[in-house]
Amino acid sequence: MELPFTNFKLTGFSGCLLSIPALLFVGIAGVIGQQFYDEISPYIIIVATLAVLGVIISYGKSANKTHADDIKNYKDLQEELKHITVKYNANISELETSYKNEIKGLSNISKLTQKSTIRSNYSSKYTAIRKAYEKERDQYQMVWKATHGGIKLKNIWQMLFFIGFVLILGACSFSMGVTMEPEEPVTGVTALMQSRTWSADNIPMPHMTDGSQYVSNPDSILSQNVVDSINIVLRQMDEQFDIESAMIIVGHIENDDPIAMVRGVYQKYGVGKNNRGLVIVVGYLDHSYFIAPGRALEGDLTDLESDQLARTYLIPSMKAEQPDSGMFYLARGTYALFAEKDMPVMSSLTNTYNGQEDEEDTESMIIMLIFTVLLGGWAYYANSMSRKLGFNSTSQTRLRANPFIDYTTAAIAAGSVLGSSRSSSHSSGGWGGGSSHIGGGYGGGSWGGGGAGGRW
C-alpha cells in the first residue's frame, strides 16, 4: 500500500492497520453527527474543517523551514535520478534511430520476412538498457539512503496529508449525520400494524353490518374524518350507479399478495349487486395495491382506467406518505369517472411534501458537493506539495517504454441479453357468495379477474 500522493510504502498488513482506525473514525463521526440532528449547522462544520486544514498547512510550512536540508537532499536525489534517466533515454533514442535506418535499408520483400526478427533483436537490446538503468538507479538510491538516513520532513508531510484526508471524510460523515433525521422508535398502533397481517379470512368488513360503511381501516392508517368522507363518496356510487364497493387499507397483506386478498373478499362476501362490485385493496407497508372491478363492471372500468386512477391519485400520495390524500382522491376520481365529471386535482396536497423533500435533498447535495470539492482540493494540494518538495518523481525521471514491442489491439465484443420476465396474475372465472344482512351485506357479486395493481 502507498499513502496517497507519496512514495511512502506500507506492507499490506500495516496498511490495513492504518485504514481500520480511519474508517472507524469516519463511521463514528456520522453516528455522533446524528445525535446533534438539527442542532449544529453543517456549514459550521465546513468552516471548522477549513480552519483545521489551515493549521495543518501552517504546521507543514513551518516544518519546511526547520528541515530545509531535507528539501535540498531530496531535490539533489531527484536531479541525479533525472540525469540517469535522461542518459538512458538518450540511449533508447539512438537505438530507435538505428532500428529505423536498418528497416529503411531493406527491400519490400525483406521487410516482410525480416522485420519481425529485427524488431525482436532490438527489443532484447532495449531490455539490456533497462536492466542497466535500473541497476544504476537502485545503486545510487541505496547509497543516498545510507548517506542521508531517514528524511523527517517527508514523514511529517505524509502524515499531514493522511490526517487531512481523514479529517475531510470524517467531517463530511458528521455533517451528513447532522442533516439526517433519526428514526423514531416504533410504538403503539404503528408497532401493532407492523406485527400483524390481514387476509379475506380475518379482515373486518363494516358493510356487512352497516350498509353505509364501505371502508375497512383496521390499522387506523386513515383518519376517521377521511374514512367518513370516503364512505359518503362510495355510498353515492352505490345509490347512483349500483356499484357496491369495498375499500380496504391495511399495514400488511398476508403473503404480500393483494390479488389473493381481492379474490378472497369477492369469494367470501360476494361484493356487488348484479356483479357490479368494486374491491380496492392497499397494503400500506407492503407498498402494494390492486383495484378490481366486478365481472359486469369491467366494461365500465377498464384495466387501463384502473391503472390510470392508481397512477394519478394513489401512487403519488403513497410515495409522499399521505394515505389520507391517496385513498380519498382515489374514491373521488372513481366516482367522477362514472359520473363523467371533471377529474379532481390534488396537486396542492402533494406539492407541500415534495417541496420539503426537495429542500432537504438539495441541502444534502450542496454539502456533499462542498466536501467533494474540498477533498479534490486537498488531493491537488498534496500532489503539488509532494512535487515541490521533491517527494514524487516527475515524468522526466521515467524511462521510456519499449518502442520495439509489436502492439496489437483486439476488439472483443461481449454482449449480454438481459431478460426480464413479467408475471401477471389473472384469475379465470369468478367467485360469488355472501348473503344480505339486516342493515348491511353485499349482493352476491363475483370477480372476472380484471383490474390493475402494482407497487410504489
Protein backbone atom coordinates (compact mmCIF):
# COMPACT_ATOMS: atom_id res chain seq x y z
CA MET A 1 0.00 0.00 0.00
CA GLU A 2 1.21 3.54 -0.77
CA LEU A 3 -0.06 6.57 1.09
CA PRO A 4 -1.95 8.91 -1.26
CA PHE A 5 0.31 11.15 -3.37
CA THR A 6 3.51 9.98 -1.66
CA ASN A 7 6.21 7.36 -2.15
CA PHE A 8 5.87 6.01 1.39
CA LYS A 9 5.36 2.26 1.16
CA LEU A 10 3.42 0.18 3.65
CA THR A 11 3.03 -3.55 3.86
CA GLY A 12 -0.43 -4.96 3.29
CA PHE A 13 -0.80 -5.68 6.99
CA SER A 14 0.35 -2.25 8.19
CA GLY A 15 -1.81 -0.62 5.52
CA CYS A 16 -4.86 -2.41 6.89
CA LEU A 17 -3.95 -1.38 10.42
CA LEU A 18 -3.74 2.24 9.28
CA SER A 19 -7.03 2.19 7.33
CA ILE A 20 -9.09 0.48 10.06
CA PRO A 21 -8.95 3.34 12.60
CA ALA A 22 -9.53 5.84 9.79
CA LEU A 23 -12.70 4.05 8.68
CA LEU A 24 -13.84 3.71 12.29
CA PHE A 25 -13.32 7.44 12.78
CA VAL A 26 -15.40 8.26 9.70
CA GLY A 27 -18.20 5.91 10.77
CA ILE A 28 -18.25 7.12 14.37
CA ALA A 29 -18.32 10.73 13.14
CA GLY A 30 -21.54 10.02 11.24
CA VAL A 31 -23.15 8.38 14.27
CA ILE A 32 -22.16 11.24 16.56
CA GLY A 33 -23.40 13.74 13.99
CA GLN A 34 -26.85 12.18 14.02
CA GLN A 35 -27.01 12.78 17.77
CA PHE A 36 -26.79 16.51 17.04
CA TYR A 37 -29.52 16.41 14.40
CA ASP A 38 -30.77 19.91 13.64
CA GLU A 39 -28.64 21.40 16.44
CA ILE A 40 -25.41 22.13 14.58
CA SER A 41 -25.28 23.72 11.15
CA PRO A 42 -23.24 21.62 8.69
CA TYR A 43 -21.79 24.84 7.33
CA ILE A 44 -20.17 25.49 10.71
CA ILE A 45 -18.51 22.09 10.40
CA ILE A 46 -17.25 23.04 6.94
CA VAL A 47 -15.74 26.28 8.27
CA ALA A 48 -14.15 24.39 11.18
CA THR A 49 -12.70 21.84 8.76
CA LEU A 50 -11.17 24.60 6.66
CA ALA A 51 -9.69 26.14 9.80
CA VAL A 52 -8.07 22.85 10.88
CA LEU A 53 -6.70 22.29 7.37
CA GLY A 54 -5.22 25.76 7.57
CA VAL A 55 -3.48 24.82 10.82
CA ILE A 56 -2.15 21.62 9.20
CA ILE A 57 -0.76 23.59 6.24
CA SER A 58 0.83 26.16 8.56
CA TYR A 59 2.48 23.41 10.58
CA GLY A 60 3.78 21.78 7.42
CA LYS A 61 5.28 25.02 6.11
CA SER A 62 6.88 25.59 9.48
CA ALA A 63 8.40 22.11 9.22
CA ASN A 64 9.79 23.07 5.79
CA LYS A 65 11.84 25.82 7.39
CA THR A 66 13.01 23.57 10.22
CA HIS A 67 14.03 20.77 7.85
CA ALA A 68 15.31 22.82 4.90
CA ASP A 69 18.24 20.42 4.48
CA ASP A 70 15.81 17.59 3.81
CA ILE A 71 14.29 19.53 0.93
CA LYS A 72 17.74 20.15 -0.59
CA ASN A 73 18.74 16.50 -0.20
CA TYR A 74 15.54 15.28 -1.87
CA LYS A 75 15.92 17.71 -4.74
CA ASP A 76 19.52 16.56 -5.21
CA LEU A 77 18.22 12.98 -5.33
CA GLN A 78 15.62 13.86 -7.95
CA GLU A 79 18.14 15.76 -10.05
CA GLU A 80 20.54 12.84 -10.08
CA LEU A 81 17.76 10.37 -10.90
CA LYS A 82 16.67 12.71 -13.68
CA HIS A 83 20.24 12.81 -15.01
CA ILE A 84 20.45 8.99 -15.00
CA THR A 85 17.09 8.66 -16.71
CA VAL A 86 17.90 11.22 -19.41
CA LYS A 87 21.15 9.38 -20.17
CA TYR A 88 19.45 6.04 -20.72
CA ASN A 89 16.51 7.59 -22.59
CA ALA A 90 19.11 9.02 -25.00
CA ASN A 91 20.49 5.50 -25.47
CA ILE A 92 16.97 4.26 -26.29
CA SER A 93 16.50 7.10 -28.81
CA GLU A 94 19.77 6.17 -30.52
CA LEU A 95 18.67 2.54 -30.58
CA GLU A 96 15.33 3.51 -32.13
CA THR A 97 17.09 5.59 -34.82
CA SER A 98 19.36 2.67 -35.62
CA TYR A 99 16.33 0.40 -35.95
CA LYS A 100 14.55 2.75 -38.32
CA ASN A 101 17.66 3.10 -40.51
CA GLU A 102 18.10 -0.66 -40.67
CA ILE A 103 14.46 -1.20 -41.64
CA LYS A 104 14.66 1.57 -44.22
CA GLY A 105 17.58 -0.17 -45.94
CA LEU A 106 15.63 -3.36 -46.50
CA SER A 107 13.73 -4.17 -49.67
CA ASN A 108 9.97 -4.60 -49.52
CA ILE A 109 10.26 -8.37 -49.66
CA SER A 110 12.92 -8.41 -46.93
CA LYS A 111 10.76 -6.21 -44.72
CA LEU A 112 8.03 -8.84 -44.80
CA THR A 113 10.36 -11.66 -43.84
CA GLN A 114 12.96 -9.97 -41.58
CA LYS A 115 11.17 -7.07 -39.85
CA SER A 116 9.82 -9.22 -37.04
CA THR A 117 13.25 -10.74 -36.33
CA ILE A 118 14.96 -7.37 -36.36
CA ARG A 119 12.34 -5.89 -34.05
CA SER A 120 12.84 -8.79 -31.64
CA ASN A 121 16.63 -8.23 -31.62
CA TYR A 122 16.22 -4.52 -30.84
CA SER A 123 13.70 -5.35 -28.15
CA SER A 124 16.34 -7.51 -26.48
CA LYS A 125 18.81 -4.60 -26.68
CA TYR A 126 16.20 -2.35 -25.04
CA THR A 127 15.81 -4.88 -22.22
CA ALA A 128 19.56 -4.75 -21.63
CA ILE A 129 19.44 -0.94 -21.46
CA ARG A 130 16.53 -1.05 -18.98
CA LYS A 131 18.37 -3.51 -16.74
CA ALA A 132 21.46 -1.28 -16.76
CA TYR A 133 19.29 1.74 -15.94
CA GLU A 134 17.55 0.02 -13.05
CA LYS A 135 20.87 -1.22 -11.66
CA GLU A 136 22.48 2.24 -11.72
CA ARG A 137 19.34 3.89 -10.32
CA ASP A 138 18.95 1.42 -7.48
CA GLN A 139 22.65 1.59 -6.56
CA TYR A 140 22.52 5.37 -6.36
CA GLN A 141 19.35 5.33 -4.23
CA MET A 142 20.94 2.77 -1.91
CA VAL A 143 23.99 4.96 -1.41
CA TRP A 144 21.82 8.07 -0.97
CA LYS A 145 19.66 6.42 1.71
CA ALA A 146 22.74 5.13 3.53
CA THR A 147 24.20 8.62 3.50
CA HIS A 148 21.13 10.63 4.49
CA GLY A 149 19.18 8.12 6.58
CA GLY A 150 15.53 8.84 7.35
CA ILE A 151 14.03 12.03 5.96
CA LYS A 152 11.88 13.50 8.71
CA LEU A 153 10.22 16.14 6.57
CA LYS A 154 8.76 13.61 4.14
CA ASN A 155 7.34 11.55 7.00
CA ILE A 156 5.80 14.69 8.50
CA TRP A 157 4.07 15.68 5.26
CA GLN A 158 2.89 12.13 4.63
CA MET A 159 1.16 12.07 7.99
CA LEU A 160 -0.27 15.57 7.47
CA PHE A 161 -1.69 14.57 4.10
CA PHE A 162 -3.23 11.46 5.62
CA ILE A 163 -4.71 13.37 8.56
CA GLY A 164 -6.19 15.90 6.15
CA PHE A 165 -7.94 13.22 4.09
CA VAL A 166 -9.34 11.50 7.18
CA LEU A 167 -10.43 14.86 8.62
CA ILE A 168 -12.37 15.81 5.47
CA LEU A 169 -14.07 12.41 5.23
CA GLY A 170 -14.93 12.45 8.93
CA ALA A 171 -16.31 15.99 8.75
CA CYS A 172 -18.40 15.01 5.71
CA SER A 173 -19.78 11.99 7.56
CA PHE A 174 -20.54 14.12 10.64
CA SER A 175 -22.28 16.77 8.52
CA MET A 176 -24.45 14.21 6.73
CA GLY A 177 -25.37 12.76 10.12
CA VAL A 178 -26.39 16.21 11.35
CA THR A 179 -28.81 16.57 8.42
CA MET A 180 -30.20 13.02 8.74
CA GLU A 181 -33.32 12.85 10.86
CA PRO A 182 -33.00 9.97 13.37
CA GLU A 183 -35.62 7.26 13.20
CA GLU A 184 -38.15 7.33 15.96
CA PRO A 185 -38.85 4.08 17.81
CA VAL A 186 -41.89 2.24 16.54
CA THR A 187 -44.56 2.13 19.23
CA GLY A 188 -48.30 1.98 19.71
CA VAL A 189 -50.54 1.47 16.70
CA THR A 190 -47.61 1.53 14.29
CA ALA A 191 -45.89 -1.34 16.09
CA LEU A 192 -49.12 -3.33 16.11
CA MET A 193 -49.62 -2.60 12.41
CA GLN A 194 -46.19 -3.99 11.61
CA SER A 195 -46.73 -7.17 13.59
CA ARG A 196 -49.96 -8.45 12.01
CA THR A 197 -51.17 -9.36 8.55
CA TRP A 198 -54.63 -9.37 7.01
CA SER A 199 -56.47 -11.61 4.59
CA ALA A 200 -60.05 -12.14 3.47
CA ASP A 201 -60.49 -14.52 6.39
CA ASN A 202 -59.78 -12.01 9.16
CA ILE A 203 -60.38 -8.58 7.63
CA PRO A 204 -63.31 -6.74 9.26
CA MET A 205 -65.97 -5.71 6.73
CA PRO A 206 -68.11 -2.90 8.23
CA HIS A 207 -70.56 -3.02 5.30
CA MET A 208 -71.77 -6.44 6.40
CA THR A 209 -73.47 -4.86 9.42
CA ASP A 210 -73.87 -1.24 8.32
CA GLY A 211 -74.80 -0.56 4.70
CA SER A 212 -73.36 2.97 4.85
CA GLN A 213 -69.83 1.78 5.66
CA TYR A 214 -67.61 0.73 2.73
CA VAL A 215 -64.11 1.33 4.12
CA SER A 216 -62.15 -1.24 6.12
CA ASN A 217 -59.37 0.51 8.03
CA PRO A 218 -58.40 -1.89 10.87
CA ASP A 219 -54.87 -0.48 11.33
CA SER A 220 -56.14 3.12 11.58
CA ILE A 221 -53.94 4.23 8.71
CA LEU A 222 -56.64 6.65 7.59
CA SER A 223 -58.02 9.33 9.88
CA GLN A 224 -61.66 8.90 10.86
CA ASN A 225 -62.85 12.06 9.13
CA VAL A 226 -61.32 10.82 5.85
CA VAL A 227 -62.98 7.42 6.33
CA ASP A 228 -66.32 9.17 6.77
CA SER A 229 -65.74 11.28 3.65
CA ILE A 230 -64.83 8.24 1.56
CA ASN A 231 -67.91 6.38 2.80
CA ILE A 232 -70.08 9.27 1.57
CA VAL A 233 -68.50 9.13 -1.90
CA LEU A 234 -68.82 5.34 -2.15
CA ARG A 235 -72.41 5.49 -0.96
CA GLN A 236 -73.17 7.92 -3.80
CA MET A 237 -71.65 5.42 -6.23
CA ASP A 238 -73.85 2.71 -4.75
CA GLU A 239 -77.05 4.75 -4.95
CA GLN A 240 -76.47 6.40 -8.34
CA PHE A 241 -74.67 3.68 -10.32
CA ASP A 242 -75.50 0.46 -8.39
CA ILE A 243 -71.81 -0.10 -7.63
CA GLU A 244 -71.11 -1.78 -4.31
CA SER A 245 -67.60 -1.11 -3.06
CA ALA A 246 -65.14 -2.45 -0.54
CA MET A 247 -62.12 -0.21 0.02
CA ILE A 248 -59.55 -1.94 2.23
CA ILE A 249 -56.32 -0.42 3.51
CA VAL A 250 -54.08 -2.32 5.94
CA GLY A 251 -50.45 -2.31 7.02
CA HIS A 252 -49.55 -5.77 5.75
CA ILE A 253 -51.43 -8.13 3.47
CA GLU A 254 -50.95 -11.83 4.11
CA ASN A 255 -48.09 -13.11 1.94
CA ASP A 256 -47.91 -9.58 0.44
CA ASP A 257 -50.48 -10.74 -2.14
CA PRO A 258 -53.23 -8.17 -2.80
CA ILE A 259 -54.66 -10.25 -5.64
CA ALA A 260 -55.26 -13.21 -3.34
CA MET A 261 -56.98 -10.90 -0.89
CA VAL A 262 -59.20 -9.43 -3.63
CA ARG A 263 -60.13 -12.91 -4.76
CA GLY A 264 -60.90 -13.97 -1.19
CA VAL A 265 -63.06 -10.91 -0.49
CA TYR A 266 -65.15 -11.49 -3.63
CA GLN A 267 -65.46 -15.17 -2.85
CA LYS A 268 -66.37 -14.77 0.82
CA TYR A 269 -68.55 -11.68 0.71
CA GLY A 270 -69.87 -11.50 -2.86
CA VAL A 271 -69.22 -7.80 -3.36
CA GLY A 272 -71.53 -6.19 -5.94
CA LYS A 273 -75.21 -6.44 -6.92
CA ASN A 274 -75.50 -7.94 -10.39
CA ASN A 275 -71.72 -8.39 -10.42
CA ARG A 276 -71.23 -4.60 -10.32
CA GLY A 277 -68.78 -4.61 -7.44
CA LEU A 278 -65.51 -2.80 -6.82
CA VAL A 279 -62.85 -4.04 -4.42
CA ILE A 280 -59.76 -1.93 -3.72
CA VAL A 281 -57.02 -3.43 -1.54
CA VAL A 282 -53.96 -1.46 -0.38
CA GLY A 283 -51.04 -2.78 1.70
CA TYR A 284 -49.55 0.45 3.03
CA LEU A 285 -46.36 -1.02 4.50
CA ASP A 286 -46.10 -3.54 1.66
CA HIS A 287 -46.31 -0.72 -0.90
CA SER A 288 -48.75 -2.78 -2.95
CA TYR A 289 -52.31 -2.38 -4.21
CA PHE A 290 -54.94 -3.84 -6.52
CA ILE A 291 -58.11 -2.28 -7.98
CA ALA A 292 -60.59 -4.98 -9.04
CA PRO A 293 -63.94 -4.18 -10.70
CA GLY A 294 -66.62 -6.88 -10.62
CA ARG A 295 -67.35 -9.14 -13.56
CA ALA A 296 -70.09 -6.92 -15.02
CA LEU A 297 -68.26 -3.67 -14.24
CA GLU A 298 -65.13 -4.40 -16.26
CA GLY A 299 -66.61 -2.76 -19.36
CA ASP A 300 -67.24 0.48 -17.47
CA LEU A 301 -63.97 0.46 -15.53
CA THR A 302 -61.28 -0.99 -17.76
CA ASP A 303 -57.87 -2.22 -16.66
CA LEU A 304 -56.32 0.87 -18.26
CA GLU A 305 -58.65 3.21 -16.39
CA SER A 306 -57.96 1.41 -13.13
CA ASP A 307 -54.24 1.77 -13.69
CA GLN A 308 -54.64 5.46 -14.55
CA LEU A 309 -56.59 6.11 -11.36
CA ALA A 310 -53.84 4.49 -9.31
CA ARG A 311 -51.06 6.41 -11.04
CA THR A 312 -52.89 9.73 -10.77
CA TYR A 313 -54.03 9.56 -7.16
CA LEU A 314 -52.89 6.54 -5.18
CA ILE A 315 -49.22 6.12 -6.05
CA PRO A 316 -48.10 9.80 -5.78
CA SER A 317 -49.81 10.20 -2.42
CA MET A 318 -48.45 6.95 -1.02
CA LYS A 319 -44.94 7.90 -2.10
CA ALA A 320 -45.47 11.18 -0.27
CA GLU A 321 -46.67 9.20 2.78
CA GLN A 322 -50.10 10.80 2.59
CA PRO A 323 -52.51 7.83 2.63
CA ASP A 324 -55.48 10.06 3.53
CA SER A 325 -54.98 12.05 0.37
CA GLY A 326 -54.41 8.98 -1.83
CA MET A 327 -57.47 7.00 -0.73
CA PHE A 328 -59.83 9.99 -0.63
CA TYR A 329 -58.92 11.21 -4.10
CA LEU A 330 -58.94 7.66 -5.46
CA ALA A 331 -62.57 7.38 -4.32
CA ARG A 332 -63.44 10.81 -5.71
CA GLY A 333 -61.67 10.10 -9.00
CA THR A 334 -63.51 6.79 -9.41
CA TYR A 335 -66.84 8.49 -8.76
CA ALA A 336 -66.01 11.29 -11.24
CA LEU A 337 -65.15 8.69 -13.87
CA PHE A 338 -68.54 7.02 -13.61
CA ALA A 339 -70.37 10.37 -13.33
CA GLU A 340 -68.46 11.65 -16.40
CA LYS A 341 -67.34 14.72 -14.48
CA ASP A 342 -64.01 16.52 -14.43
CA MET A 343 -61.41 14.51 -12.55
CA PRO A 344 -60.34 16.07 -9.22
CA VAL A 345 -56.87 17.60 -8.92
CA MET A 346 -54.79 17.03 -5.81
CA SER A 347 -51.54 18.76 -6.80
CA SER A 348 -51.84 21.19 -3.90
CA LEU A 349 -51.72 18.30 -1.44
CA THR A 350 -48.56 16.70 -2.84
CA ASN A 351 -46.55 19.81 -3.66
CA THR A 352 -46.01 20.70 0.00
CA TYR A 353 -44.39 17.37 0.78
CA ASN A 354 -42.35 17.29 -2.40
CA GLY A 355 -41.11 20.80 -1.71
CA GLN A 356 -39.86 19.81 1.73
CA GLU A 357 -38.29 16.68 0.34
CA ASP A 358 -36.58 18.62 -2.46
CA GLU A 359 -35.29 21.21 0.03
CA GLU A 360 -33.72 18.52 2.22
CA ASP A 361 -32.24 16.73 -0.78
CA THR A 362 -30.84 20.00 -2.15
CA GLU A 363 -29.10 20.83 1.12
CA SER A 364 -27.58 17.35 1.31
CA MET A 365 -26.37 17.62 -2.28
CA ILE A 366 -24.80 21.03 -1.61
CA ILE A 367 -23.00 19.73 1.47
CA MET A 368 -21.77 16.66 -0.40
CA LEU A 369 -20.61 18.85 -3.30
CA ILE A 370 -18.68 21.15 -0.95
CA PHE A 371 -16.86 18.23 0.67
CA THR A 372 -16.17 16.66 -2.72
CA VAL A 373 -14.55 19.89 -3.89
CA LEU A 374 -12.68 20.12 -0.59
CA LEU A 375 -11.40 16.56 -0.92
CA GLY A 376 -10.31 17.18 -4.51
CA GLY A 377 -8.60 20.42 -3.50
CA TRP A 378 -6.71 18.69 -0.71
CA ALA A 379 -5.62 15.94 -3.10
CA TYR A 380 -4.37 18.57 -5.55
CA TYR A 381 -2.50 20.40 -2.77
CA ALA A 382 -0.94 17.15 -1.52
CA ASN A 383 0.25 16.27 -5.01
CA SER A 384 1.58 19.76 -5.69
CA MET A 385 3.44 19.94 -2.38
CA SER A 386 4.94 16.49 -2.91
CA ARG A 387 6.26 17.60 -6.29
CA LYS A 388 7.51 20.92 -4.95
CA LEU A 389 9.46 19.30 -2.14
CA GLY A 390 10.82 16.59 -4.42
CA PHE A 391 8.99 13.67 -2.79
CA ASN A 392 7.47 12.47 -6.07
CA SER A 393 9.21 11.70 -9.33
CA THR A 394 8.39 13.81 -12.35
CA SER A 395 7.77 12.49 -15.84
CA GLN A 396 11.41 13.27 -16.69
CA THR A 397 12.62 10.57 -14.26
CA ARG A 398 10.77 7.78 -16.03
CA LEU A 399 12.44 5.53 -18.55
CA ARG A 400 10.82 5.39 -21.98
CA ALA A 401 8.67 2.39 -22.78
CA ASN A 402 9.96 -0.26 -25.17
CA PRO A 403 9.36 1.12 -28.70
CA PHE A 404 10.06 -2.24 -30.32
CA ILE A 405 7.11 -4.19 -28.96
CA ASP A 406 4.62 -5.07 -31.70
CA TYR A 407 1.46 -3.82 -30.07
CA THR A 408 -1.76 -5.22 -31.48
CA THR A 409 -5.22 -4.42 -30.30
CA ALA A 410 -8.07 -6.81 -30.47
CA ALA A 411 -11.64 -5.76 -30.05
CA ILE A 412 -13.57 -8.28 -28.04
CA ALA A 413 -17.28 -7.93 -28.40
CA ALA A 414 -19.16 -9.16 -25.42
CA GLY A 415 -22.89 -8.98 -25.33
CA SER A 416 -25.33 -9.99 -22.78
CA VAL A 417 -29.01 -10.32 -23.08
CA LEU A 418 -30.91 -9.13 -20.11
CA GLY A 419 -34.18 -10.88 -19.94
CA SER A 420 -37.00 -9.54 -17.99
CA SER A 421 -39.92 -11.61 -17.08
CA ARG A 422 -43.23 -10.20 -16.34
CA SER A 423 -45.55 -12.28 -14.32
CA SER A 424 -49.16 -11.47 -14.03
CA SER A 425 -51.85 -13.00 -12.01
CA HIS A 426 -55.12 -13.24 -13.84
CA SER A 427 -57.97 -15.21 -12.47
CA SER A 428 -60.26 -17.17 -14.69
CA GLY A 429 -63.82 -17.47 -13.65
CA GLY A 430 -65.43 -15.61 -10.80
CA TRP A 431 -66.30 -16.11 -7.20
CA GLY A 432 -69.70 -15.35 -5.75
CA GLY A 433 -71.12 -15.66 -2.32
CA GLY A 434 -72.09 -13.66 0.67
CA SER A 435 -75.51 -13.00 1.96
CA SER A 436 -77.52 -9.95 2.85
CA HIS A 437 -77.83 -8.94 6.46
CA ILE A 438 -80.27 -6.60 8.06
CA GLY A 439 -78.83 -3.11 7.61
CA GLY A 440 -75.86 -4.35 5.57
CA GLY A 441 -74.35 -7.03 3.38
CA TYR A 442 -73.30 -7.33 -0.25
CA GLY A 443 -75.32 -8.50 -3.23
CA GLY A 444 -73.52 -11.74 -4.14
CA GLY A 445 -71.30 -10.43 -6.95
CA SER A 446 -68.18 -12.01 -8.43
CA TRP A 447 -64.87 -11.04 -9.96
CA GLY A 448 -63.86 -11.77 -13.52
CA GLY A 449 -60.14 -11.29 -12.89
CA GLY A 450 -59.78 -7.80 -14.36
CA GLY A 451 -58.27 -4.72 -12.80
CA ALA A 452 -54.87 -3.22 -12.18
CA GLY A 453 -52.31 -3.47 -9.42
CA GLY A 454 -48.69 -2.90 -8.65
CA ARG A 455 -46.27 -1.26 -6.21
CA TRP A 456 -44.91 2.17 -5.41
